[in-house]
C-alpha atoms as a PDB file:
ATOM      1  CA  UNK A   1      51.217  61.976 -97.161  1.00  0.00           C
ATOM      2  CA  UNK A   2      50.647  65.227 -95.307  1.00  0.00           C
ATOM      3  CA  UNK A   3      48.700  65.192 -92.086  1.00  0.00           C
ATOM      4  CA  UNK A   4      45.701  67.535 -91.732  1.00  0.00           C
ATOM      5  CA  UNK A   5      46.097  69.672 -88.627  1.00  0.00           C
ATOM      6  CA  UNK A   6      43.682  69.056 -85.772  1.00  0.00           C
ATOM      7  CA  UNK A   7      41.971  72.448 -85.531  1.00  0.00           C
ATOM      8  CA  UNK A   8      40.015  71.412 -82.465  1.00  0.00           C
ATOM      9  CA  UNK A   9      43.235  71.280 -80.470  1.00  0.00           C
ATOM     10  CA  UNK A  10      44.705  74.427 -81.954  1.00  0.00           C
ATOM     11  CA  UNK A  11      44.581  77.541 -79.802  1.00  0.00           C
ATOM     12  CA  UNK A  12      43.700  80.824 -81.461  1.00  0.00           C
ATOM     13  CA  UNK A  13      45.892  83.457 -79.832  1.00  0.00           C
ATOM     14  CA  UNK A  14      43.306  86.159 -80.551  1.00  0.00           C
ATOM     15  CA  UNK A  15      40.558  84.264 -78.697  1.00  0.00           C
ATOM     16  CA  UNK A  16      42.679  83.375 -75.673  1.00  0.00           C
ATOM     17  CA  UNK A  17      41.721  85.391 -72.633  1.00  0.00           C
ATOM     18  CA  UNK A  18      44.118  88.105 -71.661  1.00  0.00           C
ATOM     19  CA  UNK A  19      44.378  88.206 -67.854  1.00  0.00           C
ATOM     20  CA  UNK A  20      45.319  91.869 -67.867  1.00  0.00           C
ATOM     21  CA  UNK A  21      42.383  92.842 -70.084  1.00  0.00           C
ATOM     22  CA  UNK A  22      39.993  90.745 -67.962  1.00  0.00           C
ATOM     23  CA  UNK A  23      41.198  92.431 -64.792  1.00  0.00           C
ATOM     24  CA  UNK A  24      40.850  95.857 -66.398  1.00  0.00           C
ATOM     25  CA  UNK A  25      37.311  95.015 -67.530  1.00  0.00           C
ATOM     26  CA  UNK A  26      36.370  93.852 -64.037  1.00  0.00           C
ATOM     27  CA  UNK A  27      37.776  97.007 -62.476  1.00  0.00           C
ATOM     28  CA  UNK A  28      35.935  99.175 -65.010  1.00  0.00           C
ATOM     29  CA  UNK A  29      32.639  97.405 -64.309  1.00  0.00           C
ATOM     30  CA  UNK A  30      33.144  97.764 -60.567  1.00  0.00           C
ATOM     31  CA  UNK A  31      33.997 101.438 -60.923  1.00  0.00           C
ATOM     32  CA  UNK A  32      30.882 101.996 -63.033  1.00  0.00           C
ATOM     33  CA  UNK A  33      28.598 100.536 -60.360  1.00  0.00           C
ATOM     34  CA  UNK A  34      30.387 101.823 -57.256  1.00  0.00           C
ATOM     35  CA  UNK A  35      28.999 105.075 -55.835  1.00  0.00           C
ATOM     36  CA  UNK A  36      31.114 108.157 -56.382  1.00  0.00           C
ATOM     37  CA  UNK A  37      32.420 110.176 -53.463  1.00  0.00           C
ATOM     38  CA  UNK A  38      29.769 112.807 -54.204  1.00  0.00           C
ATOM     39  CA  UNK A  39      27.011 110.190 -54.041  1.00  0.00           C
ATOM     40  CA  UNK A  40      28.422 108.854 -50.777  1.00  0.00           C
ATOM     41  CA  UNK A  41      28.303 112.358 -49.327  1.00  0.00           C
ATOM     42  CA  UNK A  42      24.692 112.880 -50.413  1.00  0.00           C
ATOM     43  CA  UNK A  43      23.652 109.467 -49.082  1.00  0.00           C
ATOM     44  CA  UNK A  44      25.292 110.229 -45.743  1.00  0.00           C
ATOM     45  CA  UNK A  45      23.726 113.697 -45.641  1.00  0.00           C
ATOM     46  CA  UNK A  46      20.278 112.286 -46.331  1.00  0.00           C
ATOM     47  CA  UNK A  47      20.665 109.852 -43.449  1.00  0.00           C
ATOM     48  CA  UNK A  48      21.844 112.580 -41.069  1.00  0.00           C
ATOM     49  CA  UNK A  49      18.999 114.877 -42.113  1.00  0.00           C
ATOM     50  CA  UNK A  50      16.513 112.108 -41.434  1.00  0.00           C
ATOM     51  CA  UNK A  51      17.736 111.593 -37.885  1.00  0.00           C
ATOM     52  CA  UNK A  52      18.967 115.029 -36.815  1.00  0.00           C
ATOM     53  CA  UNK A  53      17.518 117.568 -39.234  1.00  0.00           C
ATOM     54  CA  UNK A  54      19.378 120.447 -40.841  1.00  0.00           C
ATOM     55  CA  UNK A  55      20.775 121.639 -37.505  1.00  0.00           C
ATOM     56  CA  UNK A  56      22.478 118.288 -36.974  1.00  0.00           C
ATOM     57  CA  UNK A  57      24.163 118.293 -40.376  1.00  0.00           C
ATOM     58  CA  UNK A  58      27.803 119.165 -39.686  1.00  0.00           C
ATOM     59  CA  UNK A  59      30.913 118.510 -41.726  1.00  0.00           C
ATOM     60  CA  UNK A  60      32.371 116.461 -38.878  1.00  0.00           C
ATOM     61  CA  UNK A  61      29.321 114.211 -38.664  1.00  0.00           C
ATOM     62  CA  UNK A  62      29.141 114.009 -42.435  1.00  0.00           C
ATOM     63  CA  UNK A  63      32.766 112.908 -42.681  1.00  0.00           C
ATOM     64  CA  UNK A  64      32.175 110.215 -40.061  1.00  0.00           C
ATOM     65  CA  UNK A  65      28.951 109.025 -41.707  1.00  0.00           C
ATOM     66  CA  UNK A  66      30.363 108.907 -45.243  1.00  0.00           C
ATOM     67  CA  UNK A  67      33.822 107.638 -44.322  1.00  0.00           C
ATOM     68  CA  UNK A  68      35.384 110.452 -46.344  1.00  0.00           C
ATOM     69  CA  UNK A  69      37.775 113.203 -45.350  1.00  0.00           C
ATOM     70  CA  UNK A  70      36.474 116.730 -44.813  1.00  0.00           C
ATOM     71  CA  UNK A  71      38.722 117.872 -47.657  1.00  0.00           C
ATOM     72  CA  UNK A  72      36.868 115.536 -50.020  1.00  0.00           C
ATOM     73  CA  UNK A  73      33.530 116.931 -48.887  1.00  0.00           C
ATOM     74  CA  UNK A  74      34.685 120.525 -49.396  1.00  0.00           C
ATOM     75  CA  UNK A  75      35.989 119.550 -52.824  1.00  0.00           C
ATOM     76  CA  UNK A  76      32.398 118.858 -53.905  1.00  0.00           C
ATOM     77  CA  UNK A  77      30.400 121.279 -51.750  1.00  0.00           C
ATOM     78  CA  UNK A  78      30.982 124.757 -50.380  1.00  0.00           C
ATOM     79  CA  UNK A  79      28.925 124.345 -47.203  1.00  0.00           C
ATOM     80  CA  UNK A  80      26.140 122.316 -45.620  1.00  0.00           C
ATOM     81  CA  UNK A  81      23.481 124.495 -47.223  1.00  0.00           C
ATOM     82  CA  UNK A  82      24.691 123.425 -50.658  1.00  0.00           C
ATOM     83  CA  UNK A  83      24.736 119.804 -49.501  1.00  0.00           C
ATOM     84  CA  UNK A  84      21.160 120.062 -48.219  1.00  0.00           C
ATOM     85  CA  UNK A  85      19.958 121.554 -51.480  1.00  0.00           C
ATOM     86  CA  UNK A  86      21.838 118.930 -53.479  1.00  0.00           C
ATOM     87  CA  UNK A  87      20.118 116.175 -51.505  1.00  0.00           C
ATOM     88  CA  UNK A  88      16.752 117.702 -52.374  1.00  0.00           C
ATOM     89  CA  UNK A  89      17.749 118.326 -55.992  1.00  0.00           C
ATOM     90  CA  UNK A  90      18.731 114.687 -56.442  1.00  0.00           C
ATOM     91  CA  UNK A  91      15.591 113.490 -54.718  1.00  0.00           C
ATOM     92  CA  UNK A  92      13.273 115.664 -56.786  1.00  0.00           C
ATOM     93  CA  UNK A  93      14.972 114.563 -60.011  1.00  0.00           C
ATOM     94  CA  UNK A  94      14.510 110.914 -59.047  1.00  0.00           C
ATOM     95  CA  UNK A  95      10.809 111.424 -58.337  1.00  0.00           C
ATOM     96  CA  UNK A  96      10.312 113.350 -61.578  1.00  0.00           C
ATOM     97  CA  UNK A  97      11.974 110.592 -63.598  1.00  0.00           C
ATOM     98  CA  UNK A  98       9.916 107.806 -62.057  1.00  0.00           C
ATOM     99  CA  UNK A  99       6.641 109.668 -62.542  1.00  0.00           C
ATOM    100  CA  UNK A 100       7.457 110.353 -66.194  1.00  0.00           C
ATOM    101  CA  UNK A 101       8.289 106.669 -66.673  1.00  0.00           C
ATOM    102  CA  UNK A 102       5.045 105.577 -64.997  1.00  0.00           C
ATOM    103  CA  UNK A 103       2.980 107.855 -67.237  1.00  0.00           C
ATOM    104  CA  UNK A 104       4.785 106.617 -70.348  1.00  0.00           C
ATOM    105  CA  UNK A 105       3.805 103.020 -69.607  1.00  0.00           C
ATOM    106  CA  UNK A 106       0.083 103.843 -69.430  1.00  0.00           C
ATOM    107  CA  UNK A 107      -2.344 104.824 -72.182  1.00  0.00           C
ATOM    108  CA  UNK A 108      -4.917 107.583 -71.822  1.00  0.00           C
ATOM    109  CA  UNK A 109      -5.121 110.324 -69.215  1.00  0.00           C
ATOM    110  CA  UNK A 110      -7.176 108.333 -66.681  1.00  0.00           C
ATOM    111  CA  UNK A 111      -4.813 105.352 -66.655  1.00  0.00           C
ATOM    112  CA  UNK A 112      -1.809 107.672 -66.630  1.00  0.00           C
ATOM    113  CA  UNK A 113      -2.976 109.660 -63.609  1.00  0.00           C
ATOM    114  CA  UNK A 114      -3.794 106.409 -61.801  1.00  0.00           C
ATOM    115  CA  UNK A 115      -0.301 105.067 -62.528  1.00  0.00           C
ATOM    116  CA  UNK A 116       1.376 108.282 -61.405  1.00  0.00           C
ATOM    117  CA  UNK A 117      -0.607 108.348 -58.155  1.00  0.00           C
ATOM    118  CA  UNK A 118       0.308 104.739 -57.422  1.00  0.00           C
ATOM    119  CA  UNK A 119       4.018 105.345 -58.011  1.00  0.00           C
ATOM    120  CA  UNK A 120       4.022 108.633 -56.102  1.00  0.00           C
ATOM    121  CA  UNK A 121       2.408 107.063 -53.038  1.00  0.00           C
ATOM    122  CA  UNK A 122       5.103 104.387 -52.957  1.00  0.00           C
ATOM    123  CA  UNK A 123       7.863 106.948 -53.416  1.00  0.00           C
ATOM    124  CA  UNK A 124       6.524 109.165 -50.656  1.00  0.00           C
ATOM    125  CA  UNK A 125       6.410 106.276 -48.209  1.00  0.00           C
ATOM    126  CA  UNK A 126       9.990 105.328 -49.070  1.00  0.00           C
ATOM    127  CA  UNK A 127      11.069 108.972 -48.781  1.00  0.00           C
ATOM    128  CA  UNK A 128       9.199 109.818 -45.595  1.00  0.00           C
ATOM    129  CA  UNK A 129      12.368 110.953 -43.815  1.00  0.00           C
ATOM    130  CA  UNK A 130      13.218 113.320 -46.662  1.00  0.00           C
ATOM    131  CA  UNK A 131       9.735 114.813 -46.614  1.00  0.00           C
ATOM    132  CA  UNK A 132       9.862 115.334 -42.867  1.00  0.00           C
ATOM    133  CA  UNK A 133      13.255 117.034 -43.182  1.00  0.00           C
ATOM    134  CA  UNK A 134      11.887 119.399 -45.813  1.00  0.00           C
ATOM    135  CA  UNK A 135       8.813 120.258 -43.749  1.00  0.00           C
ATOM    136  CA  UNK A 136      10.946 120.970 -40.689  1.00  0.00           C
ATOM    137  CA  UNK A 137      13.057 123.442 -42.653  1.00  0.00           C
ATOM    138  CA  UNK A 138      10.337 125.181 -44.684  1.00  0.00           C
ATOM    139  CA  UNK A 139       9.989 127.978 -42.147  1.00  0.00           C
ATOM    140  CA  UNK A 140      13.697 128.293 -41.470  1.00  0.00           C
ATOM    141  CA  UNK A 141      15.460 131.416 -42.658  1.00  0.00           C
ATOM    142  CA  UNK A 142      18.751 129.505 -42.570  1.00  0.00           C
ATOM    143  CA  UNK A 143      17.864 127.353 -45.567  1.00  0.00           C
ATOM    144  CA  UNK A 144      15.504 129.702 -47.465  1.00  0.00           C
ATOM    145  CA  UNK A 145      13.898 126.500 -48.692  1.00  0.00           C
ATOM    146  CA  UNK A 146      10.674 128.075 -49.931  1.00  0.00           C
ATOM    147  CA  UNK A 147      12.543 129.990 -52.627  1.00  0.00           C
ATOM    148  CA  UNK A 148      14.489 126.859 -53.586  1.00  0.00           C
ATOM    149  CA  UNK A 149      11.289 124.829 -54.027  1.00  0.00           C
ATOM    150  CA  UNK A 150       9.482 127.655 -55.806  1.00  0.00           C
ATOM    151  CA  UNK A 151      12.207 127.742 -58.469  1.00  0.00           C
ATOM    152  CA  UNK A 152      11.675 124.029 -59.187  1.00  0.00           C
ATOM    153  CA  UNK A 153       7.935 123.799 -58.677  1.00  0.00           C
ATOM    154  CA  UNK A 154       6.855 123.742 -62.318  1.00  0.00           C
ATOM    155  CA  UNK A 155       9.264 120.958 -63.272  1.00  0.00           C
ATOM    156  CA  UNK A 156       8.337 118.894 -60.212  1.00  0.00           C
ATOM    157  CA  UNK A 157       4.619 119.139 -61.008  1.00  0.00           C
ATOM    158  CA  UNK A 158       5.080 118.693 -64.765  1.00  0.00           C
ATOM    159  CA  UNK A 159       4.373 114.914 -64.929  1.00  0.00           C
ATOM    160  CA  UNK A 160       0.980 115.555 -63.303  1.00  0.00           C
ATOM    161  CA  UNK A 161       0.049 118.826 -64.994  1.00  0.00           C
ATOM    162  CA  UNK A 162       0.917 117.357 -68.406  1.00  0.00           C
ATOM    163  CA  UNK A 163      -1.525 114.488 -67.845  1.00  0.00           C
ATOM    164  CA  UNK A 164      -4.233 116.842 -66.603  1.00  0.00           C
ATOM    165  CA  UNK A 165      -3.817 119.106 -69.635  1.00  0.00           C
ATOM    166  CA  UNK A 166      -4.003 116.107 -71.968  1.00  0.00           C
ATOM    167  CA  UNK A 167      -7.107 114.829 -70.183  1.00  0.00           C
ATOM    168  CA  UNK A 168      -8.811 118.201 -70.551  1.00  0.00           C
ATOM    169  CA  UNK A 169      -7.931 118.256 -74.248  1.00  0.00           C
ATOM    170  CA  UNK A 170      -9.312 114.720 -74.638  1.00  0.00           C
ATOM    171  CA  UNK A 171     -12.525 115.707 -72.874  1.00  0.00           C
ATOM    172  CA  UNK A 172     -12.148 113.144 -70.065  1.00  0.00           C
ATOM    173  CA  UNK A 173     -11.365 115.806 -67.419  1.00  0.00           C
ATOM    174  CA  UNK A 174     -13.378 118.960 -66.952  1.00  0.00           C
ATOM    175  CA  UNK A 175     -11.574 122.281 -67.393  1.00  0.00           C
ATOM    176  CA  UNK A 176      -9.696 123.142 -64.201  1.00  0.00           C
ATOM    177  CA  UNK A 177      -6.593 124.868 -62.921  1.00  0.00           C
ATOM    178  CA  UNK A 178      -4.034 122.143 -63.559  1.00  0.00           C
ATOM    179  CA  UNK A 179      -1.293 123.411 -61.252  1.00  0.00           C
ATOM    180  CA  UNK A 180      -3.658 123.938 -58.320  1.00  0.00           C
ATOM    181  CA  UNK A 181      -5.016 120.449 -58.913  1.00  0.00           C
ATOM    182  CA  UNK A 182      -1.489 119.020 -58.959  1.00  0.00           C
ATOM    183  CA  UNK A 183      -0.668 120.824 -55.702  1.00  0.00           C
ATOM    184  CA  UNK A 184      -3.859 119.485 -54.119  1.00  0.00           C
ATOM    185  CA  UNK A 185      -3.067 115.951 -55.250  1.00  0.00           C
ATOM    186  CA  UNK A 186       0.517 116.018 -53.998  1.00  0.00           C
ATOM    187  CA  UNK A 187      -0.610 117.643 -50.755  1.00  0.00           C
ATOM    188  CA  UNK A 188      -3.089 114.835 -50.078  1.00  0.00           C
ATOM    189  CA  UNK A 189      -0.476 112.166 -50.689  1.00  0.00           C
ATOM    190  CA  UNK A 190       2.163 113.906 -48.583  1.00  0.00           C
ATOM    191  CA  UNK A 191      -0.326 114.291 -45.733  1.00  0.00           C
ATOM    192  CA  UNK A 192      -1.072 110.577 -45.904  1.00  0.00           C
ATOM    193  CA  UNK A 193       2.609 109.774 -45.533  1.00  0.00           C
ATOM    194  CA  UNK A 194       3.042 112.173 -42.610  1.00  0.00           C
ATOM    195  CA  UNK A 195      -0.031 111.048 -40.684  1.00  0.00           C
ATOM    196  CA  UNK A 196      -0.039 107.423 -41.833  1.00  0.00           C
ATOM    197  CA  UNK A 197      -0.628 104.735 -39.198  1.00  0.00           C
ATOM    198  CA  UNK A 198       2.209 102.368 -38.384  1.00  0.00           C
ATOM    199  CA  UNK A 199       1.292  99.797 -41.020  1.00  0.00           C
ATOM    200  CA  UNK A 200       2.014 102.347 -43.736  1.00  0.00           C
ATOM    201  CA  UNK A 201       5.490 103.251 -42.512  1.00  0.00           C
ATOM    202  CA  UNK A 202       8.730 101.822 -43.785  1.00  0.00           C
ATOM    203  CA  UNK A 203       9.891 100.534 -40.378  1.00  0.00           C
ATOM    204  CA  UNK A 204      11.648  97.181 -40.302  1.00  0.00           C
ATOM    205  CA  UNK A 205       8.832  95.569 -38.310  1.00  0.00           C
ATOM    206  CA  UNK A 206       6.350  96.341 -41.080  1.00  0.00           C
ATOM    207  CA  UNK A 207       5.937  93.558 -43.626  1.00  0.00           C
ATOM    208  CA  UNK A 208       6.338  94.379 -47.306  1.00  0.00           C
ATOM    209  CA  UNK A 209       2.987  92.793 -48.172  1.00  0.00           C
ATOM    210  CA  UNK A 210       1.146  94.911 -45.597  1.00  0.00           C
ATOM    211  CA  UNK A 211       2.856  98.080 -46.775  1.00  0.00           C
ATOM    212  CA  UNK A 212       2.143  97.330 -50.437  1.00  0.00           C
ATOM    213  CA  UNK A 213      -1.511  96.580 -49.694  1.00  0.00           C
ATOM    214  CA  UNK A 214      -1.854  99.840 -47.769  1.00  0.00           C
ATOM    215  CA  UNK A 215      -0.249 101.786 -50.613  1.00  0.00           C
ATOM    216  CA  UNK A 216      -2.561 100.168 -53.164  1.00  0.00           C
ATOM    217  CA  UNK A 217      -5.603 100.914 -51.016  1.00  0.00           C
ATOM    218  CA  UNK A 218      -4.653 104.544 -50.552  1.00  0.00           C
ATOM    219  CA  UNK A 219      -3.687 104.983 -54.217  1.00  0.00           C
ATOM    220  CA  UNK A 220      -7.119 103.731 -55.219  1.00  0.00           C
ATOM    221  CA  UNK A 221      -8.784 106.030 -52.695  1.00  0.00           C
ATOM    222  CA  UNK A 222      -6.923 109.095 -53.957  1.00  0.00           C
ATOM    223  CA  UNK A 223      -7.641 108.204 -57.585  1.00  0.00           C
ATOM    224  CA  UNK A 224     -11.365 107.824 -56.895  1.00  0.00           C
ATOM    225  CA  UNK A 225     -11.413 111.055 -54.915  1.00  0.00           C
ATOM    226  CA  UNK A 226      -9.637 112.936 -57.699  1.00  0.00           C
ATOM    227  CA  UNK A 227     -11.774 111.559 -60.518  1.00  0.00           C
ATOM    228  CA  UNK A 228     -15.201 111.541 -58.856  1.00  0.00           C
ATOM    229  CA  UNK A 229     -14.995 113.841 -55.819  1.00  0.00           C
ATOM    230  CA  UNK A 230     -17.135 113.344 -52.725  1.00  0.00           C
ATOM    231  CA  UNK A 231     -20.449 114.704 -54.010  1.00  0.00           C
ATOM    232  CA  UNK A 232     -23.193 112.066 -54.159  1.00  0.00           C
ATOM    233  CA  UNK A 233     -24.664 111.965 -57.649  1.00  0.00           C
ATOM    234  CA  UNK A 234     -28.091 110.620 -58.558  1.00  0.00           C
END
């Protein structure tokens, strides 16, 4: 009589883990999540700009801050001006993406503008050092930053102007100059971040709950001011 094989104790060679493949997979996953040398340079540059401004951004300091050789830095960037602009380019792209995502999750122009304001306030608080660096360099001939920002202005404002245009078309917003309104809105929020009291800063001694509450309060204030103005109506 033949004996039926015990399949439960039989190993399938195809299903057995391959140590080499597992190691390769782990390395690939790690490489996918690890920052690239270019990202490390931009992160280091952003930190140096926050503490020392454009004048304090040198290749020597950048190499020390990033832990990379100067040759690696020059492989990615021609000079510190290109690095500075790349920091801003990356930052503006991040803000644009998050505002677009916030608008996409809301329905109707009023809810969309409220969502965008709320997200933008939080982003500005988190990016206060970047904003201050930009403001310090706006009048500098060395960076010619005004021209750089002017070239990217329409794309940066697009998440807001698109909502305003849709709201006008829907009849929920009165006809107005959408780009000037977007500039006014962003200007108000940026001013809040610059002149915010201590509880609205991102310092380590500021609790997350206090900061979030302050952001929510200011977001609501800006939304009400934008939608209803300051004129007392009967």
